[in-house]
Amino acid sequence: MDEQGTSQTVELRISYRYATQHPWVVQAIKGFLSAYFMEYPGFRVQRYLEELESGTHLWICEVPANMKFLRLLRRLKEDIPPCVAQQIITDPAARPRYLIDCAE
């Protein structure tokens, strides 16, 4: 069954600053996203990488069109140290990007 068009790709990033202040968070997010896949089978992590130049951790996720990614972020924020999650505004045609960083 081809589900093309029923999902979107979303980027979730963790800033270098947040990752160094809370080193265990990267593993916690990996576990959270794996558990989220079990809850919502249409959700999956396509790729994880660490950008060496910026130190940013990046998850590229496939999200069903009817799933609200902000709901996932709210639930995630309950499991990790205080943070700010914000959408990175880029080209409107580009995939949505969210950044988790230290609360000021």
N, C-alpha and C. Protein backbone atom coordinates (compact mmCIF):
# COMPACT_ATOMS: atom_id res chain seq x y z
N MET A 1 0.84 -1.19 0.00
CA MET A 1 0.00 0.00 0.00
C MET A 1 0.88 1.25 0.00
N ASP A 2 0.66 2.11 -0.92
CA ASP A 2 1.47 3.32 -1.02
C ASP A 2 0.84 4.42 -0.19
N GLU A 3 1.60 4.91 0.77
CA GLU A 3 1.09 5.95 1.65
C GLU A 3 1.71 7.30 1.32
N GLN A 4 2.24 7.44 0.11
CA GLN A 4 2.83 8.71 -0.30
C GLN A 4 1.78 9.82 -0.22
N GLY A 5 2.11 10.93 0.34
CA GLY A 5 1.18 12.03 0.45
C GLY A 5 0.39 12.03 1.74
N THR A 6 0.44 10.95 2.50
CA THR A 6 -0.28 10.91 3.77
C THR A 6 0.65 11.15 4.94
N SER A 7 1.89 11.49 4.67
CA SER A 7 2.83 11.79 5.75
C SER A 7 3.69 12.98 5.35
N GLN A 8 4.34 13.54 6.34
CA GLN A 8 5.27 14.63 6.08
C GLN A 8 6.57 14.35 6.82
N THR A 9 7.62 14.98 6.39
CA THR A 9 8.92 14.83 7.03
C THR A 9 9.17 16.06 7.91
N VAL A 10 9.59 15.79 9.15
CA VAL A 10 9.82 16.84 10.13
C VAL A 10 11.20 16.64 10.73
N GLU A 11 11.92 17.73 10.97
CA GLU A 11 13.24 17.67 11.63
C GLU A 11 13.10 18.08 13.09
N LEU A 12 13.71 17.31 13.95
CA LEU A 12 13.80 17.64 15.37
C LEU A 12 15.27 17.77 15.71
N ARG A 13 15.65 18.93 16.23
CA ARG A 13 17.06 19.21 16.54
C ARG A 13 17.23 19.51 18.03
N ILE A 14 18.39 19.12 18.54
CA ILE A 14 18.79 19.46 19.91
C ILE A 14 20.05 20.30 19.79
N SER A 15 20.05 21.45 20.40
CA SER A 15 21.22 22.33 20.30
C SER A 15 22.42 21.72 21.00
N TYR A 16 23.59 22.13 20.57
CA TYR A 16 24.84 21.69 21.19
C TYR A 16 24.86 22.08 22.67
N ARG A 17 24.42 23.29 22.96
CA ARG A 17 24.41 23.79 24.34
C ARG A 17 23.54 22.90 25.24
N TYR A 18 22.35 22.56 24.77
CA TYR A 18 21.43 21.74 25.57
C TYR A 18 22.00 20.32 25.73
N ALA A 19 22.56 19.77 24.66
CA ALA A 19 23.12 18.42 24.71
C ALA A 19 24.32 18.33 25.66
N THR A 20 25.15 19.38 25.73
CA THR A 20 26.30 19.34 26.62
C THR A 20 25.90 19.57 28.08
N GLN A 21 24.85 20.37 28.31
CA GLN A 21 24.39 20.58 29.68
C GLN A 21 23.66 19.36 30.23
N HIS A 22 23.04 18.58 29.34
CA HIS A 22 22.27 17.40 29.74
C HIS A 22 22.64 16.24 28.82
N PRO A 23 23.82 15.64 29.00
CA PRO A 23 24.31 14.64 28.05
C PRO A 23 23.40 13.41 27.89
N TRP A 24 22.66 13.07 28.90
CA TRP A 24 21.79 11.89 28.83
C TRP A 24 20.55 12.11 27.97
N VAL A 25 20.25 13.36 27.62
CA VAL A 25 19.03 13.68 26.90
C VAL A 25 19.00 13.06 25.50
N VAL A 26 20.13 12.95 24.83
CA VAL A 26 20.15 12.38 23.49
C VAL A 26 19.63 10.94 23.54
N GLN A 27 20.11 10.15 24.50
CA GLN A 27 19.61 8.77 24.65
C GLN A 27 18.15 8.76 25.05
N ALA A 28 17.75 9.68 25.90
CA ALA A 28 16.35 9.74 26.34
C ALA A 28 15.43 10.04 25.16
N ILE A 29 15.84 10.94 24.28
CA ILE A 29 15.01 11.27 23.13
C ILE A 29 14.95 10.10 22.16
N LYS A 30 16.07 9.41 21.97
CA LYS A 30 16.05 8.21 21.11
C LYS A 30 15.03 7.20 21.65
N GLY A 31 15.04 6.98 22.95
CA GLY A 31 14.09 6.05 23.56
C GLY A 31 12.66 6.54 23.44
N PHE A 32 12.46 7.83 23.65
CA PHE A 32 11.12 8.42 23.55
C PHE A 32 10.56 8.23 22.15
N LEU A 33 11.38 8.54 21.14
CA LEU A 33 10.91 8.42 19.75
C LEU A 33 10.64 6.96 19.38
N SER A 34 11.43 6.03 19.91
CA SER A 34 11.16 4.61 19.67
C SER A 34 9.83 4.20 20.29
N ALA A 35 9.57 4.67 21.50
CA ALA A 35 8.31 4.36 22.16
C ALA A 35 7.14 5.02 21.43
N TYR A 36 7.35 6.20 20.91
CA TYR A 36 6.30 6.90 20.18
C TYR A 36 5.93 6.12 18.93
N PHE A 37 6.91 5.48 18.30
CA PHE A 37 6.66 4.64 17.14
C PHE A 37 5.74 3.48 17.52
N MET A 38 5.94 2.92 18.70
CA MET A 38 5.10 1.81 19.15
C MET A 38 3.67 2.28 19.39
N GLU A 39 3.50 3.50 19.83
CA GLU A 39 2.18 4.07 20.08
C GLU A 39 1.47 4.47 18.80
N TYR A 40 2.22 5.04 17.87
CA TYR A 40 1.68 5.56 16.61
C TYR A 40 2.47 4.94 15.46
N PRO A 41 2.02 3.79 14.95
CA PRO A 41 2.78 3.08 13.92
C PRO A 41 3.08 3.90 12.66
N GLY A 42 2.31 4.93 12.34
CA GLY A 42 2.58 5.75 11.17
C GLY A 42 3.79 6.66 11.36
N PHE A 43 4.22 6.83 12.61
CA PHE A 43 5.37 7.67 12.93
C PHE A 43 6.63 6.82 12.86
N ARG A 44 7.69 7.38 12.29
CA ARG A 44 8.98 6.67 12.34
C ARG A 44 10.13 7.66 12.20
N VAL A 45 11.27 7.26 12.73
CA VAL A 45 12.49 8.05 12.58
C VAL A 45 13.19 7.53 11.33
N GLN A 46 13.35 8.40 10.35
CA GLN A 46 14.03 8.01 9.11
C GLN A 46 15.54 7.97 9.30
N ARG A 47 16.03 8.95 10.09
CA ARG A 47 17.48 9.06 10.23
C ARG A 47 17.83 9.87 11.47
N TYR A 48 18.95 9.51 12.09
CA TYR A 48 19.51 10.29 13.19
C TYR A 48 20.94 10.62 12.82
N LEU A 49 21.35 11.84 13.09
CA LEU A 49 22.76 12.19 12.89
C LEU A 49 23.17 13.32 13.81
N GLU A 50 24.46 13.41 14.00
CA GLU A 50 25.03 14.52 14.75
C GLU A 50 25.83 15.36 13.77
N GLU A 51 25.45 16.61 13.64
CA GLU A 51 26.16 17.51 12.73
C GLU A 51 27.46 17.94 13.41
N LEU A 52 28.56 17.52 12.85
CA LEU A 52 29.85 17.76 13.48
C LEU A 52 30.23 19.23 13.55
N GLU A 53 29.88 20.01 12.54
CA GLU A 53 30.24 21.42 12.53
C GLU A 53 29.54 22.21 13.63
N SER A 54 28.26 21.92 13.85
CA SER A 54 27.49 22.69 14.84
C SER A 54 27.31 21.95 16.16
N GLY A 55 27.52 20.64 16.17
CA GLY A 55 27.28 19.85 17.38
C GLY A 55 25.81 19.56 17.62
N THR A 56 24.97 19.92 16.67
CA THR A 56 23.54 19.71 16.79
C THR A 56 23.19 18.25 16.53
N HIS A 57 22.28 17.71 17.34
CA HIS A 57 21.75 16.37 17.12
C HIS A 57 20.46 16.52 16.32
N LEU A 58 20.28 15.68 15.33
CA LEU A 58 19.16 15.83 14.40
C LEU A 58 18.47 14.49 14.17
N TRP A 59 17.15 14.50 14.32
CA TRP A 59 16.32 13.36 13.97
C TRP A 59 15.42 13.79 12.83
N ILE A 60 15.39 13.02 11.75
CA ILE A 60 14.48 13.28 10.64
C ILE A 60 13.36 12.25 10.79
N CYS A 61 12.15 12.77 11.00
CA CYS A 61 11.02 11.91 11.32
C CYS A 61 9.97 11.95 10.22
N GLU A 62 9.35 10.81 9.99
CA GLU A 62 8.20 10.73 9.10
C GLU A 62 6.96 10.73 9.99
N VAL A 63 6.09 11.68 9.76
CA VAL A 63 4.93 11.91 10.62
C VAL A 63 3.65 11.80 9.79
N PRO A 64 2.67 11.02 10.25
CA PRO A 64 1.40 10.98 9.52
C PRO A 64 0.80 12.38 9.42
N ALA A 65 0.14 12.65 8.30
CA ALA A 65 -0.42 13.98 8.05
C ALA A 65 -1.41 14.41 9.12
N ASN A 66 -2.11 13.45 9.72
CA ASN A 66 -3.12 13.81 10.73
C ASN A 66 -2.53 13.89 12.14
N MET A 67 -1.23 13.66 12.31
CA MET A 67 -0.60 13.72 13.63
C MET A 67 -0.07 15.13 13.88
N LYS A 68 -0.32 15.65 15.05
CA LYS A 68 0.19 16.97 15.42
C LYS A 68 1.57 16.82 16.08
N PHE A 69 2.60 17.32 15.39
CA PHE A 69 3.96 17.19 15.91
C PHE A 69 4.14 17.99 17.20
N LEU A 70 3.41 19.08 17.35
CA LEU A 70 3.52 19.88 18.58
C LEU A 70 3.07 19.08 19.80
N ARG A 71 2.14 18.16 19.61
CA ARG A 71 1.72 17.28 20.71
C ARG A 71 2.87 16.38 21.14
N LEU A 72 3.60 15.84 20.16
CA LEU A 72 4.78 15.04 20.46
C LEU A 72 5.79 15.87 21.25
N LEU A 73 6.03 17.11 20.83
CA LEU A 73 6.98 17.98 21.53
C LEU A 73 6.54 18.26 22.97
N ARG A 74 5.25 18.49 23.17
CA ARG A 74 4.76 18.73 24.53
C ARG A 74 5.02 17.53 25.43
N ARG A 75 4.74 16.35 24.91
CA ARG A 75 4.97 15.13 25.69
C ARG A 75 6.45 14.92 25.96
N LEU A 76 7.27 15.18 24.96
CA LEU A 76 8.72 15.04 25.13
C LEU A 76 9.25 15.99 26.20
N LYS A 77 8.78 17.23 26.19
CA LYS A 77 9.25 18.23 27.15
C LYS A 77 8.94 17.83 28.59
N GLU A 78 7.94 16.98 28.81
CA GLU A 78 7.63 16.51 30.16
C GLU A 78 8.67 15.52 30.68
N ASP A 79 9.44 14.91 29.76
CA ASP A 79 10.40 13.87 30.13
C ASP A 79 11.85 14.33 30.16
N ILE A 80 12.10 15.57 29.78
CA ILE A 80 13.48 16.06 29.74
C ILE A 80 13.60 17.34 30.58
N PRO A 81 14.84 17.76 30.89
CA PRO A 81 15.02 18.99 31.68
C PRO A 81 14.38 20.20 30.99
N PRO A 82 14.10 21.25 31.76
CA PRO A 82 13.46 22.45 31.20
C PRO A 82 14.16 22.91 29.92
N CYS A 83 13.34 23.23 28.94
CA CYS A 83 13.88 23.63 27.64
C CYS A 83 12.87 24.51 26.92
N VAL A 84 13.33 25.06 25.82
CA VAL A 84 12.47 25.82 24.92
C VAL A 84 12.45 25.05 23.61
N ALA A 85 11.26 24.75 23.13
CA ALA A 85 11.11 24.10 21.83
C ALA A 85 10.48 25.11 20.89
N GLN A 86 11.15 25.40 19.81
CA GLN A 86 10.64 26.40 18.88
C GLN A 86 10.76 25.92 17.45
N GLN A 87 9.87 26.40 16.62
CA GLN A 87 9.96 26.07 15.20
C GLN A 87 10.95 27.02 14.54
N ILE A 88 11.81 26.44 13.73
CA ILE A 88 12.78 27.23 12.97
C ILE A 88 12.11 27.59 11.66
N ILE A 89 11.88 28.87 11.45
CA ILE A 89 11.21 29.32 10.25
C ILE A 89 12.21 29.38 9.11
N THR A 90 11.90 28.66 8.06
CA THR A 90 12.74 28.66 6.87
C THR A 90 11.83 28.88 5.66
N ASP A 91 12.25 28.45 4.56
CA ASP A 91 11.44 28.51 3.34
C ASP A 91 10.12 27.78 3.59
N PRO A 92 8.97 28.40 3.27
CA PRO A 92 7.67 27.76 3.50
C PRO A 92 7.53 26.40 2.82
N ALA A 93 8.25 26.17 1.74
CA ALA A 93 8.18 24.89 1.04
C ALA A 93 9.05 23.82 1.70
N ALA A 94 9.95 24.23 2.58
CA ALA A 94 10.84 23.28 3.24
C ALA A 94 10.09 22.52 4.34
N ARG A 95 10.65 21.39 4.75
CA ARG A 95 10.00 20.63 5.81
C ARG A 95 10.07 21.38 7.13
N PRO A 96 9.08 21.16 8.00
CA PRO A 96 9.10 21.83 9.31
C PRO A 96 10.33 21.41 10.12
N ARG A 97 10.89 22.38 10.84
CA ARG A 97 12.08 22.13 11.67
C ARG A 97 11.83 22.68 13.06
N TYR A 98 12.16 21.88 14.07
CA TYR A 98 11.99 22.29 15.45
C TYR A 98 13.32 22.15 16.18
N LEU A 99 13.59 23.09 17.07
CA LEU A 99 14.84 23.11 17.83
C LEU A 99 14.52 23.09 19.32
N ILE A 100 15.18 22.20 20.03
CA ILE A 100 15.10 22.17 21.50
C ILE A 100 16.39 22.76 22.02
N ASP A 101 16.27 23.78 22.87
CA ASP A 101 17.43 24.48 23.39
C ASP A 101 17.21 24.77 24.87
N CYS A 102 18.22 25.27 25.52
CA CYS A 102 18.16 25.60 26.94
C CYS A 102 17.16 26.73 27.17
N ALA A 103 16.43 26.62 28.26
CA ALA A 103 15.54 27.71 28.66
C ALA A 103 16.42 28.84 29.16
N GLU A 104 16.13 30.04 28.76
CA GLU A 104 16.95 31.19 29.15
C GLU A 104 16.69 31.60 30.58
